[in-house]
Amino acid sequence: MTPDWIAVDWGTSNLRVWAMGSEGVLASAASEDGMGRLARDQFEASLLSLIAPWLGVDVTPVIVCGMAGSRQGWHEAPYRAVPCTPLDRAGLVRVKVADARAAVYIAPGLKQAKPADVMRGEETQIAGALALHPAFDGVMCLPGTHSKWAQISAGEVVSFQTFMTGEMFALLAEHSVLRHGMASGGWDDVAFDLGLSDALSRPDRIGAQLFTLRAEGLIADLPAAQARARLSGLLIGVELAAAKPYWLGQPITLIGAEALCHSYARALATQGVTARILPATECTLAGLASLARQLETAI
């Protein structure tokens, strides 16, 4: 099996690769060799450990998105400034590799001057969503560790805003005083809705609302699963309150993990907004495929 090209999504914690042919995915592989655990001289070996069986005699294009292109990654791929298309072949950075069977290209992220913001990896998912739905004009939200809200018009990212909601959830649930009342699993939709409503109605009281979770655990035996769901509702509610200029009156597409996207869709539905959900991996591959086609045309 020799692919036409190889798609790579290189995150901070994980590395995922796909062998791509004319009909789509031929094979896939993954490892825990994310950017965060590699020195610069280890990237090529980590990549080859997964893709070497797919390489043939001819040179195979390898198109990479994500944190491999960060300043701390394999080779920095400078950010492109918005407004612009999410991806452009002209922005690809060619990386020198010892193995002549692979031609490695890294896609750059996007930057915004005011308010200062950056994204790296999400631009590929946005490009993929636009490849799947070319006529889309509106807002794309990419929930995650650092949630992104991006205004899309005429195939370009006009502006975007990042919220550290996922990271704050992890810090509060695992490292703050709230950790004593949090379950590692379980969920309660009613508790999520309550936290969401409290945050949307009074986002200025988020500090007090958070400590209420601890107090209720001590004096009212608040179940851990309810505490976790309310914490999620509170943080997503504060995010929605701040991101209101993005989603109010706009078509919304959510891109990301299914469970998290459903939480955002549930939250938006309380505000009268119906959001379409697209899987993150499908969008990533569609975005990288759009670059592969551009690269093939150029060659």
C-alpha atoms as a PDB file:
ATOM      1  CA  MET A   1       0.000   0.000   0.000  1.00  0.00           C
ATOM      2  CA  THR A   2       1.510   3.296  -1.124  1.00  0.00           C
ATOM      3  CA  PRO A   3      -0.539   6.444  -0.436  1.00  0.00           C
ATOM      4  CA  ASP A   4      -0.783   9.452  -2.713  1.00  0.00           C
ATOM      5  CA  TRP A   5       0.039  11.645   0.281  1.00  0.00           C
ATOM      6  CA  ILE A   6       0.116  11.531   4.078  1.00  0.00           C
ATOM      7  CA  ALA A   7      -1.934  13.718   6.436  1.00  0.00           C
ATOM      8  CA  VAL A   8      -0.515  14.616   9.855  1.00  0.00           C
ATOM      9  CA  ASP A   9      -2.186  16.291  12.829  1.00  0.00           C
ATOM     10  CA  TRP A  10       0.522  17.052  15.402  1.00  0.00           C
ATOM     11  CA  GLY A  11      -0.913  18.199  18.700  1.00  0.00           C
ATOM     12  CA  THR A  12       0.731  19.067  21.999  1.00  0.00           C
ATOM     13  CA  SER A  13      -0.028  15.628  23.456  1.00  0.00           C
ATOM     14  CA  ASN A  14      -0.556  13.334  20.475  1.00  0.00           C
ATOM     15  CA  LEU A  15       0.560  12.619  16.919  1.00  0.00           C
ATOM     16  CA  ARG A  16      -1.975  11.269  14.400  1.00  0.00           C
ATOM     17  CA  VAL A  17      -1.257  10.258  10.800  1.00  0.00           C
ATOM     18  CA  TRP A  18      -3.328   9.006   7.877  1.00  0.00           C
ATOM     19  CA  ALA A  19      -2.286   7.417   4.581  1.00  0.00           C
ATOM     20  CA  MET A  20      -4.454   9.076   1.942  1.00  0.00           C
ATOM     21  CA  GLY A  21      -5.485   7.797  -1.474  1.00  0.00           C
ATOM     22  CA  SER A  22      -7.898   8.855  -4.174  1.00  0.00           C
ATOM     23  CA  GLU A  23     -10.828   7.374  -2.237  1.00  0.00           C
ATOM     24  CA  GLY A  24      -9.847   8.776   1.158  1.00  0.00           C
ATOM     25  CA  VAL A  25      -8.172   7.166   4.174  1.00  0.00           C
ATOM     26  CA  LEU A  26      -6.215   3.997   3.414  1.00  0.00           C
ATOM     27  CA  ALA A  27      -4.681   3.525   6.873  1.00  0.00           C
ATOM     28  CA  SER A  28      -4.092   5.454  10.087  1.00  0.00           C
ATOM     29  CA  ALA A  29      -1.779   5.402  13.079  1.00  0.00           C
ATOM     30  CA  ALA A  30      -1.174   7.415  16.244  1.00  0.00           C
ATOM     31  CA  SER A  31       1.271   7.838  19.110  1.00  0.00           C
ATOM     32  CA  GLU A  32       1.719   9.924  22.246  1.00  0.00           C
ATOM     33  CA  ASP A  33       4.700  11.750  20.689  1.00  0.00           C
ATOM     34  CA  GLY A  34       3.069  15.161  20.875  1.00  0.00           C
ATOM     35  CA  MET A  35       5.007  18.384  20.457  1.00  0.00           C
ATOM     36  CA  GLY A  36       5.204  18.838  24.234  1.00  0.00           C
ATOM     37  CA  ARG A  37       7.408  15.803  24.800  1.00  0.00           C
ATOM     38  CA  LEU A  38       9.818  16.103  21.840  1.00  0.00           C
ATOM     39  CA  ALA A  39      13.088  17.941  21.295  1.00  0.00           C
ATOM     40  CA  ARG A  40      13.471  19.538  17.870  1.00  0.00           C
ATOM     41  CA  ASP A  41      15.792  16.790  16.625  1.00  0.00           C
ATOM     42  CA  GLN A  42      13.292  14.049  17.575  1.00  0.00           C
ATOM     43  CA  PHE A  43      10.389  15.043  15.326  1.00  0.00           C
ATOM     44  CA  GLU A  44      11.515  13.295  12.156  1.00  0.00           C
ATOM     45  CA  ALA A  45      12.167   9.994  13.937  1.00  0.00           C
ATOM     46  CA  SER A  46       8.782  10.143  15.673  1.00  0.00           C
ATOM     47  CA  LEU A  47       7.022  10.771  12.383  1.00  0.00           C
ATOM     48  CA  LEU A  48       8.908   8.043  10.535  1.00  0.00           C
ATOM     49  CA  SER A  49       8.137   5.515  13.266  1.00  0.00           C
ATOM     50  CA  LEU A  50       4.508   5.761  12.137  1.00  0.00           C
ATOM     51  CA  ILE A  51       4.681   6.441   8.401  1.00  0.00           C
ATOM     52  CA  ALA A  52       7.789   4.518   7.260  1.00  0.00           C
ATOM     53  CA  PRO A  53       5.763   1.433   6.215  1.00  0.00           C
ATOM     54  CA  TRP A  54       3.744   3.644   3.852  1.00  0.00           C
ATOM     55  CA  LEU A  55       6.706   5.192   2.037  1.00  0.00           C
ATOM     56  CA  GLY A  56       7.617   3.780  -1.368  1.00  0.00           C
ATOM     57  CA  VAL A  57      10.286   4.488  -3.935  1.00  0.00           C
ATOM     58  CA  ASP A  58       8.843   7.808  -5.080  1.00  0.00           C
ATOM     59  CA  VAL A  59       8.654  10.931  -2.938  1.00  0.00           C
ATOM     60  CA  THR A  60       5.441  11.125  -0.905  1.00  0.00           C
ATOM     61  CA  PRO A  61       4.073  14.533   0.161  1.00  0.00           C
ATOM     62  CA  VAL A  62       3.498  14.752   3.930  1.00  0.00           C
ATOM     63  CA  ILE A  63       1.275  17.661   4.984  1.00  0.00           C
ATOM     64  CA  VAL A  64       1.336  18.605   8.658  1.00  0.00           C
ATOM     65  CA  CYS A  65      -0.932  20.852  10.700  1.00  0.00           C
ATOM     66  CA  GLY A  66      -0.857  21.712  14.378  1.00  0.00           C
ATOM     67  CA  MET A  67       1.833  22.337  16.953  1.00  0.00           C
ATOM     68  CA  ALA A  68       4.747  20.939  14.923  1.00  0.00           C
ATOM     69  CA  GLY A  69       4.793  24.386  13.316  1.00  0.00           C
ATOM     70  CA  SER A  70       4.945  26.302  16.610  1.00  0.00           C
ATOM     71  CA  ARG A  71       7.972  28.171  17.876  1.00  0.00           C
ATOM     72  CA  GLN A  72       8.688  25.284  20.271  1.00  0.00           C
ATOM     73  CA  GLY A  73       7.960  22.634  17.628  1.00  0.00           C
ATOM     74  CA  TRP A  74       9.793  21.024  14.732  1.00  0.00           C
ATOM     75  CA  HIS A  75      10.073  24.057  12.478  1.00  0.00           C
ATOM     76  CA  GLU A  76       8.264  27.349  12.961  1.00  0.00           C
ATOM     77  CA  ALA A  77       5.629  28.099  10.332  1.00  0.00           C
ATOM     78  CA  PRO A  78       4.924  31.849  10.708  1.00  0.00           C
ATOM     79  CA  TYR A  79       1.339  32.913  11.360  1.00  0.00           C
ATOM     80  CA  ARG A  80      -0.725  34.443   8.556  1.00  0.00           C
ATOM     81  CA  ALA A  81      -2.665  37.600   9.424  1.00  0.00           C
ATOM     82  CA  VAL A  82      -6.464  37.752   9.227  1.00  0.00           C
ATOM     83  CA  PRO A  83      -8.538  38.542   7.290  1.00  0.00           C
ATOM     84  CA  CYS A  84      -7.416  35.726   5.011  1.00  0.00           C
ATOM     85  CA  THR A  85      -8.386  32.275   3.805  1.00  0.00           C
ATOM     86  CA  PRO A  86      -7.799  29.709   6.566  1.00  0.00           C
ATOM     87  CA  LEU A  87      -5.196  27.856   4.477  1.00  0.00           C
ATOM     88  CA  ASP A  88      -3.042  28.762   1.491  1.00  0.00           C
ATOM     89  CA  ARG A  89      -0.384  26.698  -0.254  1.00  0.00           C
ATOM     90  CA  ALA A  90       1.865  29.768  -0.363  1.00  0.00           C
ATOM     91  CA  GLY A  91       2.076  29.644   3.440  1.00  0.00           C
ATOM     92  CA  LEU A  92       3.366  26.067   3.596  1.00  0.00           C
ATOM     93  CA  VAL A  93       6.848  25.682   5.063  1.00  0.00           C
ATOM     94  CA  ARG A  94       9.056  22.892   3.635  1.00  0.00           C
ATOM     95  CA  VAL A  95      11.032  21.058   6.311  1.00  0.00           C
ATOM     96  CA  LYS A  96      14.367  19.445   5.504  1.00  0.00           C
ATOM     97  CA  VAL A  97      14.355  15.744   6.364  1.00  0.00           C
ATOM     98  CA  ALA A  98      17.007  13.060   6.130  1.00  0.00           C
ATOM     99  CA  ASP A  99      14.647  10.531   4.548  1.00  0.00           C
ATOM    100  CA  ALA A 100      14.423  11.465   0.859  1.00  0.00           C
ATOM    101  CA  ARG A 101      11.196   9.459   0.436  1.00  0.00           C
ATOM    102  CA  ALA A 102       9.171  12.130   2.274  1.00  0.00           C
ATOM    103  CA  ALA A 103       8.552  15.761   1.317  1.00  0.00           C
ATOM    104  CA  VAL A 104       7.302  17.359   4.552  1.00  0.00           C
ATOM    105  CA  TYR A 105       5.268  20.580   4.561  1.00  0.00           C
ATOM    106  CA  ILE A 106       3.900  22.354   7.648  1.00  0.00           C
ATOM    107  CA  ALA A 107       0.808  24.552   7.498  1.00  0.00           C
ATOM    108  CA  PRO A 108       0.958  27.882   9.377  1.00  0.00           C
ATOM    109  CA  GLY A 109      -1.556  29.137  11.907  1.00  0.00           C
ATOM    110  CA  LEU A 110      -3.414  32.461  11.928  1.00  0.00           C
ATOM    111  CA  LYS A 111      -2.853  35.648  13.931  1.00  0.00           C
ATOM    112  CA  GLN A 112      -4.890  38.719  14.783  1.00  0.00           C
ATOM    113  CA  ALA A 113      -3.323  42.013  15.836  1.00  0.00           C
ATOM    114  CA  LYS A 114      -6.196  43.554  17.857  1.00  0.00           C
ATOM    115  CA  PRO A 115      -7.273  42.045  20.109  1.00  0.00           C
ATOM    116  CA  ALA A 116      -4.094  39.969  19.989  1.00  0.00           C
ATOM    117  CA  ASP A 117      -4.893  36.329  19.267  1.00  0.00           C
ATOM    118  CA  VAL A 118      -3.468  33.267  17.539  1.00  0.00           C
ATOM    119  CA  MET A 119      -4.606  29.832  16.416  1.00  0.00           C
ATOM    120  CA  ARG A 120      -2.630  26.839  15.196  1.00  0.00           C
ATOM    121  CA  GLY A 121      -4.423  23.735  13.968  1.00  0.00           C
ATOM    122  CA  GLU A 122      -7.940  25.145  14.140  1.00  0.00           C
ATOM    123  CA  GLU A 123      -7.421  26.965  10.827  1.00  0.00           C
ATOM    124  CA  THR A 124      -7.123  23.550   9.153  1.00  0.00           C
ATOM    125  CA  GLN A 125     -10.427  22.425  10.660  1.00  0.00           C
ATOM    126  CA  ILE A 126     -12.063  25.665   9.509  1.00  0.00           C
ATOM    127  CA  ALA A 127     -10.704  25.107   5.994  1.00  0.00           C
ATOM    128  CA  GLY A 128     -12.073  21.570   6.089  1.00  0.00           C
ATOM    129  CA  ALA A 129     -15.505  22.758   7.219  1.00  0.00           C
ATOM    130  CA  LEU A 130     -15.536  25.236   4.327  1.00  0.00           C
ATOM    131  CA  ALA A 131     -14.497  22.486   1.915  1.00  0.00           C
ATOM    132  CA  LEU A 132     -17.444  20.422   3.146  1.00  0.00           C
ATOM    133  CA  HIS A 133     -19.849  23.413   3.142  1.00  0.00           C
ATOM    134  CA  PRO A 134     -18.429  25.977   0.667  1.00  0.00           C
ATOM    135  CA  ALA A 135     -21.336  28.429   0.890  1.00  0.00           C
ATOM    136  CA  PHE A 136     -21.100  28.882   4.661  1.00  0.00           C
ATOM    137  CA  ASP A 137     -21.060  32.444   5.996  1.00  0.00           C
ATOM    138  CA  GLY A 138     -21.375  32.919   9.726  1.00  0.00           C
ATOM    139  CA  VAL A 139     -19.475  31.818  12.825  1.00  0.00           C
ATOM    140  CA  MET A 140     -17.512  28.661  13.537  1.00  0.00           C
ATOM    141  CA  CYS A 141     -16.890  27.682  17.146  1.00  0.00           C
ATOM    142  CA  LEU A 142     -14.193  25.133  17.934  1.00  0.00           C
ATOM    143  CA  PRO A 143     -14.621  24.051  21.581  1.00  0.00           C
ATOM    144  CA  GLY A 144     -11.616  22.585  23.331  1.00  0.00           C
ATOM    145  CA  THR A 145      -8.824  23.397  25.738  1.00  0.00           C
ATOM    146  CA  HIS A 146      -8.754  26.850  24.151  1.00  0.00           C
ATOM    147  CA  SER A 147     -12.105  27.451  22.454  1.00  0.00           C
ATOM    148  CA  LYS A 148     -12.102  29.527  19.264  1.00  0.00           C
ATOM    149  CA  TRP A 149     -14.915  31.655  17.826  1.00  0.00           C
ATOM    150  CA  ALA A 150     -14.209  32.668  14.224  1.00  0.00           C
ATOM    151  CA  GLN A 151     -16.204  34.977  11.971  1.00  0.00           C
ATOM    152  CA  ILE A 152     -16.284  33.536   8.443  1.00  0.00           C
ATOM    153  CA  SER A 153     -17.227  35.542   5.357  1.00  0.00           C
ATOM    154  CA  ALA A 154     -16.636  34.837   1.645  1.00  0.00           C
ATOM    155  CA  GLY A 155     -14.333  31.924   2.494  1.00  0.00           C
ATOM    156  CA  GLU A 156     -12.104  33.989   4.784  1.00  0.00           C
ATOM    157  CA  VAL A 157     -11.508  34.176   8.530  1.00  0.00           C
ATOM    158  CA  VAL A 158     -12.385  37.802   9.257  1.00  0.00           C
ATOM    159  CA  SER A 159     -11.738  37.800  13.017  1.00  0.00           C
ATOM    160  CA  PHE A 160     -11.541  35.356  15.897  1.00  0.00           C
ATOM    161  CA  GLN A 161     -11.463  35.160  19.687  1.00  0.00           C
ATOM    162  CA  THR A 162      -9.981  32.533  22.006  1.00  0.00           C
ATOM    163  CA  PHE A 163     -11.373  31.515  25.411  1.00  0.00           C
ATOM    164  CA  MET A 164      -9.392  29.359  27.865  1.00  0.00           C
ATOM    165  CA  THR A 165     -12.559  27.570  28.996  1.00  0.00           C
ATOM    166  CA  GLY A 166     -11.321  23.993  28.698  1.00  0.00           C
ATOM    167  CA  GLU A 167      -8.049  24.733  30.448  1.00  0.00           C
ATOM    168  CA  MET A 168      -9.852  26.588  33.267  1.00  0.00           C
ATOM    169  CA  PHE A 169     -12.213  23.635  33.688  1.00  0.00           C
ATOM    170  CA  ALA A 170      -9.267  21.240  34.039  1.00  0.00           C
ATOM    171  CA  LEU A 171      -7.407  23.520  36.459  1.00  0.00           C
ATOM    172  CA  LEU A 172     -10.440  24.110  38.661  1.00  0.00           C
ATOM    173  CA  ALA A 173     -11.651  20.503  38.618  1.00  0.00           C
ATOM    174  CA  GLU A 174      -8.238  18.949  39.221  1.00  0.00           C
ATOM    175  CA  HIS A 175      -6.057  21.487  41.040  1.00  0.00           C
ATOM    176  CA  SER A 176      -8.266  23.955  42.924  1.00  0.00           C
ATOM    177  CA  VAL A 177     -10.235  23.594  46.172  1.00  0.00           C
ATOM    178  CA  LEU A 178     -13.163  22.446  43.999  1.00  0.00           C
ATOM    179  CA  ARG A 179     -11.350  19.188  43.245  1.00  0.00           C
ATOM    180  CA  HIS A 180     -12.541  17.719  46.552  1.00  0.00           C
ATOM    181  CA  GLY A 181     -16.135  17.675  45.294  1.00  0.00           C
ATOM    182  CA  MET A 182     -15.590  16.690  41.656  1.00  0.00           C
ATOM    183  CA  ALA A 183     -16.241  13.311  40.064  1.00  0.00           C
ATOM    184  CA  SER A 184     -13.862  11.992  37.439  1.00  0.00           C
ATOM    185  CA  GLY A 185     -16.904  10.917  35.433  1.00  0.00           C
ATOM    186  CA  GLY A 186     -20.664  11.120  35.407  1.00  0.00           C
ATOM    187  CA  TRP A 187     -22.903  13.922  34.210  1.00  0.00           C
ATOM    188  CA  ASP A 188     -26.136  15.713  35.058  1.00  0.00           C
ATOM    189  CA  ASP A 189     -27.910  17.773  32.392  1.00  0.00           C
ATOM    190  CA  VAL A 190     -30.086  19.612  34.911  1.00  0.00           C
ATOM    191  CA  ALA A 191     -27.007  20.683  36.879  1.00  0.00           C
ATOM    192  CA  PHE A 192     -25.305  21.813  33.661  1.00  0.00           C
ATOM    193  CA  ASP A 193     -28.355  23.903  32.728  1.00  0.00           C
ATOM    194  CA  LEU A 194     -28.412  25.471  36.200  1.00  0.00           C
ATOM    195  CA  GLY A 195     -24.754  26.499  35.998  1.00  0.00           C
ATOM    196  CA  LEU A 196     -25.274  27.814  32.476  1.00  0.00           C
ATOM    197  CA  SER A 197     -28.284  29.906  33.517  1.00  0.00           C
ATOM    198  CA  ASP A 198     -26.470  31.343  36.553  1.00  0.00           C
ATOM    199  CA  ALA A 199     -23.449  32.356  34.479  1.00  0.00           C
ATOM    200  CA  LEU A 200     -25.437  33.857  31.605  1.00  0.00           C
ATOM    201  CA  SER A 201     -27.631  35.898  33.941  1.00  0.00           C
ATOM    202  CA  ARG A 202     -24.782  37.155  36.162  1.00  0.00           C
ATOM    203  CA  PRO A 203     -21.377  36.537  34.535  1.00  0.00           C
ATOM    204  CA  ASP A 204     -19.893  39.205  36.840  1.00  0.00           C
ATOM    205  CA  ARG A 205     -20.468  36.854  39.811  1.00  0.00           C
ATOM    206  CA  ILE A 206     -18.492  33.918  38.398  1.00  0.00           C
ATOM    207  CA  GLY A 207     -15.951  33.954  41.266  1.00  0.00           C
ATOM    208  CA  ALA A 208     -18.708  33.629  43.870  1.00  0.00           C
ATOM    209  CA  GLN A 209     -20.678  31.120  41.810  1.00  0.00           C
ATOM    210  CA  LEU A 210     -17.638  28.865  41.610  1.00  0.00           C
ATOM    211  CA  PHE A 211     -17.079  28.800  45.362  1.00  0.00           C
ATOM    212  CA  THR A 212     -20.748  27.977  45.882  1.00  0.00           C
ATOM    213  CA  LEU A 213     -19.955  24.550  44.416  1.00  0.00           C
ATOM    214  CA  ARG A 214     -17.468  23.946  47.229  1.00  0.00           C
ATOM    215  CA  ALA A 215     -19.825  25.239  49.895  1.00  0.00           C
ATOM    216  CA  GLU A 216     -22.751  23.121  48.702  1.00  0.00           C
ATOM    217  CA  GLY A 217     -20.528  20.069  48.726  1.00  0.00           C
ATOM    218  CA  LEU A 218     -19.657  20.703  52.364  1.00  0.00           C
ATOM    219  CA  ILE A 219     -23.025  21.655  53.803  1.00  0.00           C
ATOM    220  CA  ALA A 220     -25.569  20.161  51.379  1.00  0.00           C
ATOM    221  CA  ASP A 221     -23.755  17.058  50.071  1.00  0.00           C
ATOM    222  CA  LEU A 222     -23.857  18.226  46.454  1.00  0.00           C
ATOM    223  CA  PRO A 223     -23.235  15.051  44.391  1.00  0.00           C
ATOM    224  CA  ALA A 224     -19.883  15.085  42.620  1.00  0.00           C
ATOM    225  CA  ALA A 225     -21.359  14.469  39.159  1.00  0.00           C
ATOM    226  CA  GLN A 226     -23.705  17.432  39.631  1.00  0.00           C
ATOM    227  CA  ALA A 227     -20.816  19.628  40.783  1.00  0.00           C
ATOM    228  CA  ARG A 228     -18.790  18.718  37.693  1.00  0.00           C
ATOM    229  CA  ALA A 229     -21.680  19.412  35.323  1.00  0.00           C
ATOM    230  CA  ARG A 230     -22.478  22.733  37.029  1.00  0.00           C
ATOM    231  CA  LEU A 231     -18.837  23.774  36.777  1.00  0.00           C
ATOM    232  CA  SER A 232     -18.951  23.074  33.038  1.00  0.00           C
ATOM    233  CA  GLY A 233     -22.193  25.033  32.709  1.00  0.00           C
ATOM    234  CA  LEU A 234     -20.782  27.986  34.615  1.00  0.00           C
ATOM    235  CA  LEU A 235     -17.640  28.211  32.482  1.00  0.00           C
ATOM    236  CA  ILE A 236     -19.390  27.684  29.148  1.00  0.00           C
ATOM    237  CA  GLY A 237     -22.007  30.228  30.240  1.00  0.00           C
ATOM    238  CA  VAL A 238     -19.348  32.860  30.932  1.00  0.00           C
ATOM    239  CA  GLU A 239     -17.803  32.098  27.537  1.00  0.00           C
ATOM    240  CA  LEU A 240     -21.140  32.488  25.756  1.00  0.00           C
ATOM    241  CA  ALA A 241     -21.812  35.753  27.572  1.00  0.00           C
ATOM    242  CA  ALA A 242     -18.469  37.152  26.394  1.00  0.00           C
ATOM    243  CA  ALA A 243     -18.779  35.698  22.865  1.00  0.00           C
ATOM    244  CA  LYS A 244     -22.300  37.028  22.331  1.00  0.00           C
ATOM    245  CA  PRO A 245     -21.212  39.471  19.570  1.00  0.00           C
ATOM    246  CA  TYR A 246     -20.046  36.402  17.614  1.00  0.00           C
ATOM    247  CA  TRP A 247     -23.048  34.093  17.923  1.00  0.00           C
ATOM    248  CA  LEU A 248     -26.015  36.449  18.249  1.00  0.00           C
ATOM    249  CA  GLY A 249     -28.101  36.252  15.072  1.00  0.00           C
ATOM    250  CA  GLN A 250     -25.476  34.200  13.219  1.00  0.00           C
ATOM    251  CA  PRO A 251     -25.458  30.724  11.646  1.00  0.00           C
ATOM    252  CA  ILE A 252     -23.243  28.627  13.927  1.00  0.00           C
ATOM    253  CA  THR A 253     -21.124  25.583  13.111  1.00  0.00           C
ATOM    254  CA  LEU A 254     -19.457  23.681  15.964  1.00  0.00           C
ATOM    255  CA  ILE A 255     -16.296  21.678  15.219  1.00  0.00           C
ATOM    256  CA  GLY A 256     -14.798  19.347  17.790  1.00  0.00           C
ATOM    257  CA  ALA A 257     -15.267  16.324  20.023  1.00  0.00           C
ATOM    258  CA  GLU A 258     -18.859  15.080  19.933  1.00  0.00           C
ATOM    259  CA  ALA A 259     -19.666  15.272  23.662  1.00  0.00           C
ATOM    260  CA  LEU A 260     -18.200  18.747  24.110  1.00  0.00           C
ATOM    261  CA  CYS A 261     -19.898  20.073  20.979  1.00  0.00           C
ATOM    262  CA  HIS A 262     -23.216  18.742  22.235  1.00  0.00           C
ATOM    263  CA  SER A 263     -22.725  20.691  25.481  1.00  0.00           C
ATOM    264  CA  TYR A 264     -22.118  23.875  23.484  1.00  0.00           C
ATOM    265  CA  ALA A 265     -25.088  23.123  21.228  1.00  0.00           C
ATOM    266  CA  ARG A 266     -27.273  22.584  24.307  1.00  0.00           C
ATOM    267  CA  ALA A 267     -26.070  25.888  25.747  1.00  0.00           C
ATOM    268  CA  LEU A 268     -26.699  27.780  22.498  1.00  0.00           C
ATOM    269  CA  ALA A 269     -30.155  26.222  22.179  1.00  0.00           C
ATOM    270  CA  THR A 270     -31.172  27.912  25.452  1.00  0.00           C
ATOM    271  CA  GLN A 271     -30.461  31.199  23.669  1.00  0.00           C
ATOM    272  CA  GLY A 272     -32.558  30.259  20.642  1.00  0.00           C
ATOM    273  CA  VAL A 273     -29.584  29.312  18.464  1.00  0.00           C
ATOM    274  CA  THR A 274     -29.463  26.013  16.552  1.00  0.00           C
ATOM    275  CA  ALA A 275     -25.903  24.928  15.770  1.00  0.00           C
ATOM    276  CA  ARG A 276     -24.641  22.383  13.239  1.00  0.00           C
ATOM    277  CA  ILE A 277     -21.972  19.980  14.540  1.00  0.00           C
ATOM    278  CA  LEU A 278     -19.070  18.708  12.421  1.00  0.00           C
ATOM    279  CA  PRO A 279     -16.528  16.088  13.642  1.00  0.00           C
ATOM    280  CA  ALA A 280     -13.038  17.480  14.226  1.00  0.00           C
ATOM    281  CA  THR A 281     -11.163  14.670  12.460  1.00  0.00           C
ATOM    282  CA  GLU A 282     -13.367  14.874   9.363  1.00  0.00           C
ATOM    283  CA  CYS A 283     -12.702  18.621   9.140  1.00  0.00           C
ATOM    284  CA  THR A 284      -8.966  18.205   9.750  1.00  0.00           C
ATOM    285  CA  LEU A 285      -8.636  15.688   6.922  1.00  0.00           C
ATOM    286  CA  ALA A 286     -10.772  17.784   4.571  1.00  0.00           C
ATOM    287  CA  GLY A 287      -8.601  20.821   5.313  1.00  0.00           C
ATOM    288  CA  LEU A 288      -5.345  18.960   4.735  1.00  0.00           C
ATOM    289  CA  ALA A 289      -6.812  17.455   1.553  1.00  0.00           C
ATOM    290  CA  SER A 290      -7.500  20.948   0.230  1.00  0.00           C
ATOM    291  CA  LEU A 291      -3.810  21.742   0.719  1.00  0.00           C
ATOM    292  CA  ALA A 292      -2.800  18.473  -0.944  1.00  0.00           C
ATOM    293  CA  ARG A 293      -4.837  19.403  -4.022  1.00  0.00           C
ATOM    294  CA  GLN A 294      -3.269  22.868  -4.141  1.00  0.00           C
ATOM    295  CA  LEU A 295       0.188  21.360  -3.787  1.00  0.00           C
ATOM    296  CA  GLU A 296      -0.451  18.806  -6.545  1.00  0.00           C
ATOM    297  CA  THR A 297      -1.636  21.556  -8.872  1.00  0.00           C
ATOM    298  CA  ALA A 298       1.474  23.631  -8.137  1.00  0.00           C
ATOM    299  CA  ILE A 299       3.784  20.685  -8.777  1.00  0.00           C
END
